[in-house]
Amino acid sequence: MESPWRADGKVLTLPYPLFGTIEIPTMNQQTFFSSALSAILMVGSAISLQAQGDLDRYEAVSWESPTGDKFNYSWRAPDKMKKAETYPLLFFLHGAGGRGDDNKRQLSDAGGVQAFAKQGVSSRRQSYVFAGQVPKSQRWVDVHWNTLEHKMPKASKSMALALQALELFIKDKKNQVDPNRVYVMGLSMGGYGTWDAIQRRPDLFAAAVPICGGGDKSLGKKIAKLPIWAWHGDKDRVIKVSRSRDMIKAIKAAGGSPKYSEIKGRGHNSWVDVWNSDELWNWLYSQKRK
């Protein structure tokens, strides 16, 4: 794991995913560790307060399917809406750290909720956000993350329920969702989920952003026409970068033109680069299903 901070004896540098880095001068060796602790607590407190404020803007739903299965998701509407107009929707698939039953962690996982706020998803881009939560010990896709390839298995219970709940949400007229501007994005476990979702339902989405995940490369032709921008760190030791490379290669071989960003020196946190890429977010919200 990469060190969360570094120092040269004079300056303590801490990474802050949404705003770059924070540099705090350290007077001497005696005060170094005191400065480090204070800085970590300060940044952690700021992130926690910001995240909680953003989370309070989401509505938590415990949805029950027609067969009696329950699925938790949280959603947020665009900040300003007009009658008779429709708006895009971001379907977000969290990583393993977002699993649980609190219906909140899926948004705070990897700083997602702060990133959405920074990129103006609900404000500038006037978009809905729909984020389901996988229960503990379950996955979006029932495959091992360290495998170098897989064939698309039967839809996991969480994926099947998420897609059902999402479609009902989109079809509900009071939600004013534009069905031609539904985007899917997911990281790590959710990166696998993103590839899985678009390979099952390419007709449902206008664009996809799979982050450090992997899919069934034999199904490249099925998603060749879908706008895709995949991301992966070339030093990822959790999910091999070959998973994204293989998917991009398969889609191109099928006639597609996917975008791909492989981040040099990045480990298993390439979502940081996604959060900070204005180009990515502008591209995503310019897509519309034809």
C-alpha atoms as a PDB file:
ATOM      1  CA  MET A   1       0.000   0.000   0.000  1.00  0.00           C
ATOM      2  CA  GLU A   2       1.264   3.455  -0.859  1.00  0.00           C
ATOM      3  CA  SER A   3       2.024   5.780   2.055  1.00  0.00           C
ATOM      4  CA  PRO A   4      -0.875   8.208   2.728  1.00  0.00           C
ATOM      5  CA  TRP A   5       1.603  11.014   3.304  1.00  0.00           C
ATOM      6  CA  ARG A   6       5.238  11.908   2.750  1.00  0.00           C
ATOM      7  CA  ALA A   7       7.689  14.335   4.262  1.00  0.00           C
ATOM      8  CA  ASP A   8      11.157  15.726   3.637  1.00  0.00           C
ATOM      9  CA  GLY A   9      11.705  16.925   7.202  1.00  0.00           C
ATOM     10  CA  LYS A  10      10.445  20.413   6.427  1.00  0.00           C
ATOM     11  CA  VAL A  11       7.097  19.891   4.763  1.00  0.00           C
ATOM     12  CA  LEU A  12       4.407  17.311   5.447  1.00  0.00           C
ATOM     13  CA  THR A  13       2.415  16.547   2.272  1.00  0.00           C
ATOM     14  CA  LEU A  14      -0.980  14.869   2.504  1.00  0.00           C
ATOM     15  CA  PRO A  15      -3.044  13.778  -0.505  1.00  0.00           C
ATOM     16  CA  TYR A  16      -6.593  15.073  -0.579  1.00  0.00           C
ATOM     17  CA  PRO A  17      -8.539  13.267  -3.334  1.00  0.00           C
ATOM     18  CA  LEU A  18     -10.800  16.152  -4.262  1.00  0.00           C
ATOM     19  CA  PHE A  19      -8.436  19.105  -4.113  1.00  0.00           C
ATOM     20  CA  GLY A  20      -4.935  17.786  -4.730  1.00  0.00           C
ATOM     21  CA  THR A  21      -2.549  17.931  -1.770  1.00  0.00           C
ATOM     22  CA  ILE A  22      -2.145  19.867   1.454  1.00  0.00           C
ATOM     23  CA  GLU A  23       1.351  20.925   2.542  1.00  0.00           C
ATOM     24  CA  ILE A  24       2.030  21.728   6.195  1.00  0.00           C
ATOM     25  CA  PRO A  25       5.440  23.087   7.292  1.00  0.00           C
ATOM     26  CA  THR A  26       7.201  21.155  10.071  1.00  0.00           C
ATOM     27  CA  MET A  27       9.607  23.198  12.215  1.00  0.00           C
ATOM     28  CA  ASN A  28      11.968  20.371  13.181  1.00  0.00           C
ATOM     29  CA  GLN A  29      12.099  16.666  13.886  1.00  0.00           C
ATOM     30  CA  GLN A  30      10.677  17.153  17.367  1.00  0.00           C
ATOM     31  CA  THR A  31       7.487  18.721  16.038  1.00  0.00           C
ATOM     32  CA  PHE A  32       7.194  16.519  12.946  1.00  0.00           C
ATOM     33  CA  PHE A  33       4.991  13.796  14.388  1.00  0.00           C
ATOM     34  CA  SER A  34       2.838  16.323  16.186  1.00  0.00           C
ATOM     35  CA  SER A  35       2.318  18.153  12.889  1.00  0.00           C
ATOM     36  CA  ALA A  36       1.557  14.884  11.144  1.00  0.00           C
ATOM     37  CA  LEU A  37      -1.078  13.845  13.656  1.00  0.00           C
ATOM     38  CA  SER A  38      -2.725  17.270  13.695  1.00  0.00           C
ATOM     39  CA  ALA A  39      -2.808  17.416   9.909  1.00  0.00           C
ATOM     40  CA  ILE A  40      -4.305  13.954   9.555  1.00  0.00           C
ATOM     41  CA  LEU A  41      -6.991  14.745  12.132  1.00  0.00           C
ATOM     42  CA  MET A  42      -7.734  18.095  10.468  1.00  0.00           C
ATOM     43  CA  VAL A  43      -8.125  16.620   6.987  1.00  0.00           C
ATOM     44  CA  GLY A  44     -10.087  13.634   8.275  1.00  0.00           C
ATOM     45  CA  SER A  45     -12.492  15.885  10.156  1.00  0.00           C
ATOM     46  CA  ALA A  46     -13.034  18.131   7.119  1.00  0.00           C
ATOM     47  CA  ILE A  47     -13.723  15.147   4.865  1.00  0.00           C
ATOM     48  CA  SER A  48     -16.103  13.615   7.403  1.00  0.00           C
ATOM     49  CA  LEU A  49     -18.121  16.804   7.818  1.00  0.00           C
ATOM     50  CA  GLN A  50     -18.320  17.395   4.074  1.00  0.00           C
ATOM     51  CA  ALA A  51     -19.330  13.792   3.384  1.00  0.00           C
ATOM     52  CA  GLN A  52     -22.041  13.835   6.044  1.00  0.00           C
ATOM     53  CA  GLY A  53     -23.490  17.057   4.673  1.00  0.00           C
ATOM     54  CA  ASP A  54     -23.562  15.596   1.172  1.00  0.00           C
ATOM     55  CA  LEU A  55     -25.061  12.294   2.377  1.00  0.00           C
ATOM     56  CA  ASP A  56     -27.922  14.149   4.045  1.00  0.00           C
ATOM     57  CA  ARG A  57     -29.054  15.277   0.593  1.00  0.00           C
ATOM     58  CA  TYR A  58     -29.820  11.662  -0.436  1.00  0.00           C
ATOM     59  CA  GLU A  59     -33.016   9.747   0.231  1.00  0.00           C
ATOM     60  CA  ALA A  60     -32.587   6.183   1.486  1.00  0.00           C
ATOM     61  CA  VAL A  61     -35.014   3.541   0.189  1.00  0.00           C
ATOM     62  CA  SER A  62     -35.487  -0.064   1.265  1.00  0.00           C
ATOM     63  CA  TRP A  63     -37.115  -1.506  -1.830  1.00  0.00           C
ATOM     64  CA  GLU A  64     -38.953  -4.811  -1.958  1.00  0.00           C
ATOM     65  CA  SER A  65     -39.186  -6.731  -5.214  1.00  0.00           C
ATOM     66  CA  PRO A  66     -42.373  -8.498  -6.380  1.00  0.00           C
ATOM     67  CA  THR A  67     -40.834 -11.752  -5.101  1.00  0.00           C
ATOM     68  CA  GLY A  68     -40.234 -10.311  -1.639  1.00  0.00           C
ATOM     69  CA  ASP A  69     -36.487  -9.695  -1.914  1.00  0.00           C
ATOM     70  CA  LYS A  70     -35.225  -6.487  -0.338  1.00  0.00           C
ATOM     71  CA  PHE A  71     -32.653  -4.122  -1.793  1.00  0.00           C
ATOM     72  CA  ASN A  72     -31.291  -0.900  -0.355  1.00  0.00           C
ATOM     73  CA  TYR A  73     -30.536   2.121  -2.496  1.00  0.00           C
ATOM     74  CA  SER A  74     -30.131   5.847  -2.008  1.00  0.00           C
ATOM     75  CA  TRP A  75     -30.960   8.502  -4.556  1.00  0.00           C
ATOM     76  CA  ARG A  76     -30.800  12.212  -5.097  1.00  0.00           C
ATOM     77  CA  ALA A  77     -32.675  14.410  -7.528  1.00  0.00           C
ATOM     78  CA  PRO A  78     -31.193  17.348  -9.460  1.00  0.00           C
ATOM     79  CA  ASP A  79     -31.056  20.506  -7.364  1.00  0.00           C
ATOM     80  CA  LYS A  80     -33.349  22.476  -9.665  1.00  0.00           C
ATOM     81  CA  MET A  81     -36.054  20.856 -11.755  1.00  0.00           C
ATOM     82  CA  LYS A  82     -38.777  22.131 -14.061  1.00  0.00           C
ATOM     83  CA  LYS A  83     -42.052  20.439 -14.841  1.00  0.00           C
ATOM     84  CA  ALA A  84     -42.246  18.650 -18.183  1.00  0.00           C
ATOM     85  CA  GLU A  85     -38.445  18.399 -18.419  1.00  0.00           C
ATOM     86  CA  THR A  86     -36.370  15.254 -17.988  1.00  0.00           C
ATOM     87  CA  TYR A  87     -32.910  14.818 -16.517  1.00  0.00           C
ATOM     88  CA  PRO A  88     -29.962  12.411 -16.741  1.00  0.00           C
ATOM     89  CA  LEU A  89     -29.225   9.755 -14.134  1.00  0.00           C
ATOM     90  CA  LEU A  90     -25.947   8.329 -12.818  1.00  0.00           C
ATOM     91  CA  PHE A  91     -26.151   4.683 -11.703  1.00  0.00           C
ATOM     92  CA  PHE A  92     -23.230   4.241  -9.293  1.00  0.00           C
ATOM     93  CA  LEU A  93     -21.815   0.855  -8.300  1.00  0.00           C
ATOM     94  CA  HIS A  94     -19.663   0.969  -5.169  1.00  0.00           C
ATOM     95  CA  GLY A  95     -16.594  -1.065  -4.278  1.00  0.00           C
ATOM     96  CA  ALA A  96     -16.172  -3.721  -1.585  1.00  0.00           C
ATOM     97  CA  GLY A  97     -15.774  -1.056   1.108  1.00  0.00           C
ATOM     98  CA  GLY A  98     -19.328   0.159   0.496  1.00  0.00           C
ATOM     99  CA  ARG A  99     -21.026  -3.126   1.364  1.00  0.00           C
ATOM    100  CA  GLY A 100     -23.401  -3.333   4.321  1.00  0.00           C
ATOM    101  CA  ASP A 101     -26.956  -2.515   5.316  1.00  0.00           C
ATOM    102  CA  ASP A 102     -26.755   1.126   6.433  1.00  0.00           C
ATOM    103  CA  ASN A 103     -27.734   2.485   2.979  1.00  0.00           C
ATOM    104  CA  LYS A 104     -25.022   5.142   3.240  1.00  0.00           C
ATOM    105  CA  ARG A 105     -21.653   3.484   2.905  1.00  0.00           C
ATOM    106  CA  GLN A 106     -22.144   2.849  -0.813  1.00  0.00           C
ATOM    107  CA  LEU A 107     -21.974   6.611  -1.357  1.00  0.00           C
ATOM    108  CA  SER A 108     -19.111   7.422   1.000  1.00  0.00           C
ATOM    109  CA  ASP A 109     -17.017   4.524  -0.352  1.00  0.00           C
ATOM    110  CA  ALA A 110     -13.798   5.859  -1.932  1.00  0.00           C
ATOM    111  CA  GLY A 111     -15.002   9.453  -1.589  1.00  0.00           C
ATOM    112  CA  GLY A 112     -17.755   9.054  -4.156  1.00  0.00           C
ATOM    113  CA  VAL A 113     -20.272  11.405  -2.602  1.00  0.00           C
ATOM    114  CA  GLN A 114     -17.705  14.219  -2.305  1.00  0.00           C
ATOM    115  CA  ALA A 115     -16.595  13.670  -5.888  1.00  0.00           C
ATOM    116  CA  PHE A 116     -20.173  13.951  -7.120  1.00  0.00           C
ATOM    117  CA  ALA A 117     -20.521  17.225  -5.235  1.00  0.00           C
ATOM    118  CA  LYS A 118     -17.202  18.548  -6.565  1.00  0.00           C
ATOM    119  CA  GLN A 119     -18.167  17.705 -10.147  1.00  0.00           C
ATOM    120  CA  GLY A 120     -21.579  19.300  -9.753  1.00  0.00           C
ATOM    121  CA  VAL A 121     -23.475  16.133 -10.607  1.00  0.00           C
ATOM    122  CA  SER A 122     -26.695  17.308  -8.953  1.00  0.00           C
ATOM    123  CA  SER A 123     -26.099  21.033  -9.383  1.00  0.00           C
ATOM    124  CA  ARG A 124     -24.240  22.022 -12.578  1.00  0.00           C
ATOM    125  CA  ARG A 125     -25.064  18.831 -14.448  1.00  0.00           C
ATOM    126  CA  GLN A 126     -28.611  18.597 -13.099  1.00  0.00           C
ATOM    127  CA  SER A 127     -28.465  14.823 -12.708  1.00  0.00           C
ATOM    128  CA  TYR A 128     -30.093  12.172 -10.588  1.00  0.00           C
ATOM    129  CA  VAL A 129     -27.843   9.776  -8.667  1.00  0.00           C
ATOM    130  CA  PHE A 130     -28.969   6.211  -7.956  1.00  0.00           C
ATOM    131  CA  ALA A 131     -26.692   4.084  -5.754  1.00  0.00           C
ATOM    132  CA  GLY A 132     -27.596   0.593  -4.575  1.00  0.00           C
ATOM    133  CA  GLN A 133     -25.857  -1.240  -1.751  1.00  0.00           C
ATOM    134  CA  VAL A 134     -24.575  -4.820  -1.809  1.00  0.00           C
ATOM    135  CA  PRO A 135     -24.980  -6.687   1.514  1.00  0.00           C
ATOM    136  CA  LYS A 136     -21.875  -7.845   3.365  1.00  0.00           C
ATOM    137  CA  SER A 137     -20.111 -10.882   1.882  1.00  0.00           C
ATOM    138  CA  GLN A 138     -21.961 -10.509  -1.448  1.00  0.00           C
ATOM    139  CA  ARG A 139     -20.751  -9.057  -4.759  1.00  0.00           C
ATOM    140  CA  TRP A 140     -22.025  -7.268  -7.837  1.00  0.00           C
ATOM    141  CA  VAL A 141     -20.571 -10.107  -9.893  1.00  0.00           C
ATOM    142  CA  ASP A 142     -19.961 -13.595  -8.551  1.00  0.00           C
ATOM    143  CA  VAL A 143     -16.360 -13.978  -9.702  1.00  0.00           C
ATOM    144  CA  HIS A 144     -13.023 -13.792  -7.902  1.00  0.00           C
ATOM    145  CA  TRP A 145     -11.367 -10.395  -8.258  1.00  0.00           C
ATOM    146  CA  ASN A 146      -7.884 -11.827  -8.780  1.00  0.00           C
ATOM    147  CA  THR A 147      -8.861 -13.973 -11.755  1.00  0.00           C
ATOM    148  CA  LEU A 148      -7.355 -13.003 -15.096  1.00  0.00           C
ATOM    149  CA  GLU A 149     -10.532 -13.745 -17.063  1.00  0.00           C
ATOM    150  CA  HIS A 150     -14.084 -14.979 -16.594  1.00  0.00           C
ATOM    151  CA  LYS A 151     -17.243 -15.875 -18.472  1.00  0.00           C
ATOM    152  CA  MET A 152     -20.280 -13.850 -17.490  1.00  0.00           C
ATOM    153  CA  PRO A 153     -22.035 -15.835 -14.750  1.00  0.00           C
ATOM    154  CA  LYS A 154     -25.683 -15.776 -13.792  1.00  0.00           C
ATOM    155  CA  ALA A 155     -26.598 -12.313 -12.517  1.00  0.00           C
ATOM    156  CA  SER A 156     -25.828 -11.984  -8.825  1.00  0.00           C
ATOM    157  CA  LYS A 157     -28.782 -11.326  -6.556  1.00  0.00           C
ATOM    158  CA  SER A 158     -27.588  -7.766  -5.933  1.00  0.00           C
ATOM    159  CA  MET A 159     -27.142  -7.011  -9.636  1.00  0.00           C
ATOM    160  CA  ALA A 160     -30.529  -8.475 -10.565  1.00  0.00           C
ATOM    161  CA  LEU A 161     -32.302  -6.481  -7.861  1.00  0.00           C
ATOM    162  CA  ALA A 162     -30.376  -3.292  -8.651  1.00  0.00           C
ATOM    163  CA  LEU A 163     -31.351  -3.415 -12.316  1.00  0.00           C
ATOM    164  CA  GLN A 164     -34.989  -4.109 -11.432  1.00  0.00           C
ATOM    165  CA  ALA A 165     -35.115  -1.219  -8.961  1.00  0.00           C
ATOM    166  CA  LEU A 166     -33.311   1.090 -11.377  1.00  0.00           C
ATOM    167  CA  GLU A 167     -35.698   0.403 -14.241  1.00  0.00           C
ATOM    168  CA  LEU A 168     -38.732   1.011 -12.036  1.00  0.00           C
ATOM    169  CA  PHE A 169     -37.189   4.263 -10.839  1.00  0.00           C
ATOM    170  CA  ILE A 170     -36.583   5.396 -14.420  1.00  0.00           C
ATOM    171  CA  LYS A 171     -40.097   4.488 -15.529  1.00  0.00           C
ATOM    172  CA  ASP A 172     -41.733   6.316 -12.618  1.00  0.00           C
ATOM    173  CA  LYS A 173     -42.912   9.545 -14.286  1.00  0.00           C
ATOM    174  CA  LYS A 174     -42.680  11.595 -11.133  1.00  0.00           C
ATOM    175  CA  ASN A 175     -38.919  11.124 -11.183  1.00  0.00           C
ATOM    176  CA  GLN A 176     -38.512  12.878 -14.568  1.00  0.00           C
ATOM    177  CA  VAL A 177     -35.589  10.726 -15.696  1.00  0.00           C
ATOM    178  CA  ASP A 178     -34.492  10.918 -19.326  1.00  0.00           C
ATOM    179  CA  PRO A 179     -34.205   7.229 -20.362  1.00  0.00           C
ATOM    180  CA  ASN A 180     -31.773   8.214 -23.098  1.00  0.00           C
ATOM    181  CA  ARG A 181     -29.283   9.692 -20.623  1.00  0.00           C
ATOM    182  CA  VAL A 182     -28.705   6.946 -18.069  1.00  0.00           C
ATOM    183  CA  TYR A 183     -25.022   6.468 -17.224  1.00  0.00           C
ATOM    184  CA  VAL A 184     -23.309   3.735 -15.216  1.00  0.00           C
ATOM    185  CA  MET A 185     -20.077   4.107 -13.264  1.00  0.00           C
ATOM    186  CA  GLY A 186     -18.426   1.772 -10.772  1.00  0.00           C
ATOM    187  CA  LEU A 187     -15.108   1.174  -9.069  1.00  0.00           C
ATOM    188  CA  SER A 188     -13.220  -1.994  -8.123  1.00  0.00           C
ATOM    189  CA  MET A 189     -15.977  -4.496  -7.240  1.00  0.00           C
ATOM    190  CA  GLY A 190     -18.258  -1.953  -8.884  1.00  0.00           C
ATOM    191  CA  GLY A 191     -15.920  -1.842 -11.887  1.00  0.00           C
ATOM    192  CA  TYR A 192     -16.714  -5.501 -12.391  1.00  0.00           C
ATOM    193  CA  GLY A 193     -20.347  -4.572 -11.854  1.00  0.00           C
ATOM    194  CA  THR A 194     -20.211  -1.872 -14.515  1.00  0.00           C
ATOM    195  CA  TRP A 195     -18.872  -4.249 -17.165  1.00  0.00           C
ATOM    196  CA  ASP A 196     -21.454  -6.826 -16.069  1.00  0.00           C
ATOM    197  CA  ALA A 197     -24.364  -4.379 -16.199  1.00  0.00           C
ATOM    198  CA  ILE A 198     -23.606  -3.133 -19.713  1.00  0.00           C
ATOM    199  CA  GLN A 199     -22.977  -6.633 -21.053  1.00  0.00           C
ATOM    200  CA  ARG A 200     -26.362  -7.726 -19.702  1.00  0.00           C
ATOM    201  CA  ARG A 201     -28.260  -4.576 -20.623  1.00  0.00           C
ATOM    202  CA  PRO A 202     -26.428  -2.528 -23.271  1.00  0.00           C
ATOM    203  CA  ASP A 203     -29.811  -1.107 -24.285  1.00  0.00           C
ATOM    204  CA  LEU A 204     -30.303   0.537 -20.890  1.00  0.00           C
ATOM    205  CA  PHE A 205     -27.291   2.837 -20.802  1.00  0.00           C
ATOM    206  CA  ALA A 206     -26.025   5.820 -22.777  1.00  0.00           C
ATOM    207  CA  ALA A 207     -22.419   5.483 -21.544  1.00  0.00           C
ATOM    208  CA  ALA A 208     -20.291   3.599 -19.027  1.00  0.00           C
ATOM    209  CA  VAL A 209     -17.236   4.302 -16.874  1.00  0.00           C
ATOM    210  CA  PRO A 210     -15.743   1.067 -15.477  1.00  0.00           C
ATOM    211  CA  ILE A 211     -12.936   1.815 -13.015  1.00  0.00           C
ATOM    212  CA  CYS A 212     -10.331  -0.867 -12.218  1.00  0.00           C
ATOM    213  CA  GLY A 213     -12.656  -3.760 -13.016  1.00  0.00           C
ATOM    214  CA  GLY A 214     -13.009  -6.561 -15.518  1.00  0.00           C
ATOM    215  CA  GLY A 215     -15.625  -8.209 -17.719  1.00  0.00           C
ATOM    216  CA  ASP A 216     -16.232 -11.069 -20.115  1.00  0.00           C
ATOM    217  CA  LYS A 217     -13.974 -10.293 -23.073  1.00  0.00           C
ATOM    218  CA  SER A 218     -15.863 -12.770 -25.283  1.00  0.00           C
ATOM    219  CA  LEU A 219     -18.806 -10.342 -25.195  1.00  0.00           C
ATOM    220  CA  GLY A 220     -16.933  -7.376 -26.637  1.00  0.00           C
ATOM    221  CA  LYS A 221     -19.183  -7.250 -29.690  1.00  0.00           C
ATOM    222  CA  LYS A 222     -22.267  -6.848 -27.482  1.00  0.00           C
ATOM    223  CA  ILE A 223     -21.034  -3.475 -26.183  1.00  0.00           C
ATOM    224  CA  ALA A 224     -19.001  -2.298 -29.184  1.00  0.00           C
ATOM    225  CA  LYS A 225     -21.420   0.537 -29.977  1.00  0.00           C
ATOM    226  CA  LEU A 226     -21.721   1.806 -26.400  1.00  0.00           C
ATOM    227  CA  PRO A 227     -19.617   4.845 -25.388  1.00  0.00           C
ATOM    228  CA  ILE A 228     -17.170   3.531 -22.774  1.00  0.00           C
ATOM    229  CA  TRP A 229     -14.300   5.162 -20.943  1.00  0.00           C
ATOM    230  CA  ALA A 230     -12.387   2.656 -18.784  1.00  0.00           C
ATOM    231  CA  TRP A 231      -9.767   3.540 -16.152  1.00  0.00           C
ATOM    232  CA  HIS A 232      -7.065   1.469 -14.439  1.00  0.00           C
ATOM    233  CA  GLY A 233      -3.758   2.003 -12.651  1.00  0.00           C
ATOM    234  CA  ASP A 234      -0.789   0.204 -14.183  1.00  0.00           C
ATOM    235  CA  LYS A 235       0.470  -0.740 -10.689  1.00  0.00           C
ATOM    236  CA  ASP A 236      -2.846  -2.177  -9.467  1.00  0.00           C
ATOM    237  CA  ARG A 237      -2.098  -5.305  -7.417  1.00  0.00           C
ATOM    238  CA  VAL A 238      -5.697  -6.020  -6.400  1.00  0.00           C
ATOM    239  CA  ILE A 239      -7.305  -6.224  -9.839  1.00  0.00           C
ATOM    240  CA  LYS A 240      -4.765  -6.727 -12.604  1.00  0.00           C
ATOM    241  CA  VAL A 241      -4.556  -4.014 -15.242  1.00  0.00           C
ATOM    242  CA  SER A 242      -4.816  -6.749 -17.871  1.00  0.00           C
ATOM    243  CA  ARG A 243      -8.529  -6.992 -17.035  1.00  0.00           C
ATOM    244  CA  SER A 244      -9.188  -3.535 -18.477  1.00  0.00           C
ATOM    245  CA  ARG A 245      -6.655  -3.917 -21.277  1.00  0.00           C
ATOM    246  CA  ASP A 246      -8.314  -7.160 -22.413  1.00  0.00           C
ATOM    247  CA  MET A 247     -11.773  -5.582 -22.446  1.00  0.00           C
ATOM    248  CA  ILE A 248     -10.612  -2.596 -24.481  1.00  0.00           C
ATOM    249  CA  LYS A 249      -8.815  -4.885 -26.942  1.00  0.00           C
ATOM    250  CA  ALA A 250     -11.911  -7.075 -27.342  1.00  0.00           C
ATOM    251  CA  ILE A 251     -14.207  -4.103 -27.952  1.00  0.00           C
ATOM    252  CA  LYS A 252     -11.853  -2.607 -30.525  1.00  0.00           C
ATOM    253  CA  ALA A 253     -11.593  -5.988 -32.271  1.00  0.00           C
ATOM    254  CA  ALA A 254     -15.399  -5.946 -32.512  1.00  0.00           C
ATOM    255  CA  GLY A 255     -15.363  -2.541 -34.206  1.00  0.00           C
ATOM    256  CA  GLY A 256     -15.869  -0.345 -31.163  1.00  0.00           C
ATOM    257  CA  SER A 257     -13.998   2.829 -30.185  1.00  0.00           C
ATOM    258  CA  PRO A 258     -13.760   2.804 -26.387  1.00  0.00           C
ATOM    259  CA  LYS A 259     -11.692   5.335 -24.475  1.00  0.00           C
ATOM    260  CA  TYR A 260      -9.107   4.065 -22.001  1.00  0.00           C
ATOM    261  CA  SER A 261      -6.953   5.807 -19.410  1.00  0.00           C
ATOM    262  CA  GLU A 262      -4.172   3.742 -17.856  1.00  0.00           C
ATOM    263  CA  ILE A 263      -2.632   5.776 -15.060  1.00  0.00           C
ATOM    264  CA  LYS A 264       1.126   5.411 -14.746  1.00  0.00           C
ATOM    265  CA  GLY A 265       2.296   4.594 -11.224  1.00  0.00           C
ATOM    266  CA  ARG A 266      -1.249   4.307  -9.890  1.00  0.00           C
ATOM    267  CA  GLY A 267      -2.230   1.366  -7.701  1.00  0.00           C
ATOM    268  CA  HIS A 268      -5.734   0.247  -6.808  1.00  0.00           C
ATOM    269  CA  ASN A 269      -7.206   3.719  -6.533  1.00  0.00           C
ATOM    270  CA  SER A 270      -7.577   4.989 -10.084  1.00  0.00           C
ATOM    271  CA  TRP A 271     -10.960   6.392  -9.090  1.00  0.00           C
ATOM    272  CA  VAL A 272      -9.003   9.368  -7.709  1.00  0.00           C
ATOM    273  CA  ASP A 273      -8.109  10.275 -11.284  1.00  0.00           C
ATOM    274  CA  VAL A 274     -11.726   9.887 -12.360  1.00  0.00           C
ATOM    275  CA  TRP A 275     -12.928  12.132  -9.541  1.00  0.00           C
ATOM    276  CA  ASN A 276     -10.528  14.849 -10.660  1.00  0.00           C
ATOM    277  CA  SER A 277     -11.004  14.574 -14.429  1.00  0.00           C
ATOM    278  CA  ASP A 278     -13.256  17.355 -15.685  1.00  0.00           C
ATOM    279  CA  GLU A 279     -12.752  15.941 -19.169  1.00  0.00           C
ATOM    280  CA  LEU A 280     -14.263  12.617 -18.131  1.00  0.00           C
ATOM    281  CA  TRP A 281     -17.315  14.153 -16.492  1.00  0.00           C
ATOM    282  CA  ASN A 282     -17.922  16.524 -19.391  1.00  0.00           C
ATOM    283  CA  TRP A 283     -17.639  13.612 -21.813  1.00  0.00           C
ATOM    284  CA  LEU A 284     -19.981  11.429 -19.757  1.00  0.00           C
ATOM    285  CA  TYR A 285     -22.759  13.989 -19.543  1.00  0.00           C
ATOM    286  CA  SER A 286     -22.525  14.772 -23.241  1.00  0.00           C
ATOM    287  CA  GLN A 287     -23.539  11.226 -24.165  1.00  0.00           C
ATOM    288  CA  LYS A 288     -27.050  10.354 -25.253  1.00  0.00           C
ATOM    289  CA  ARG A 289     -28.465   7.002 -26.295  1.00  0.00           C
ATOM    290  CA  LYS A 290     -29.305   6.877 -29.978  1.00  0.00           C
END
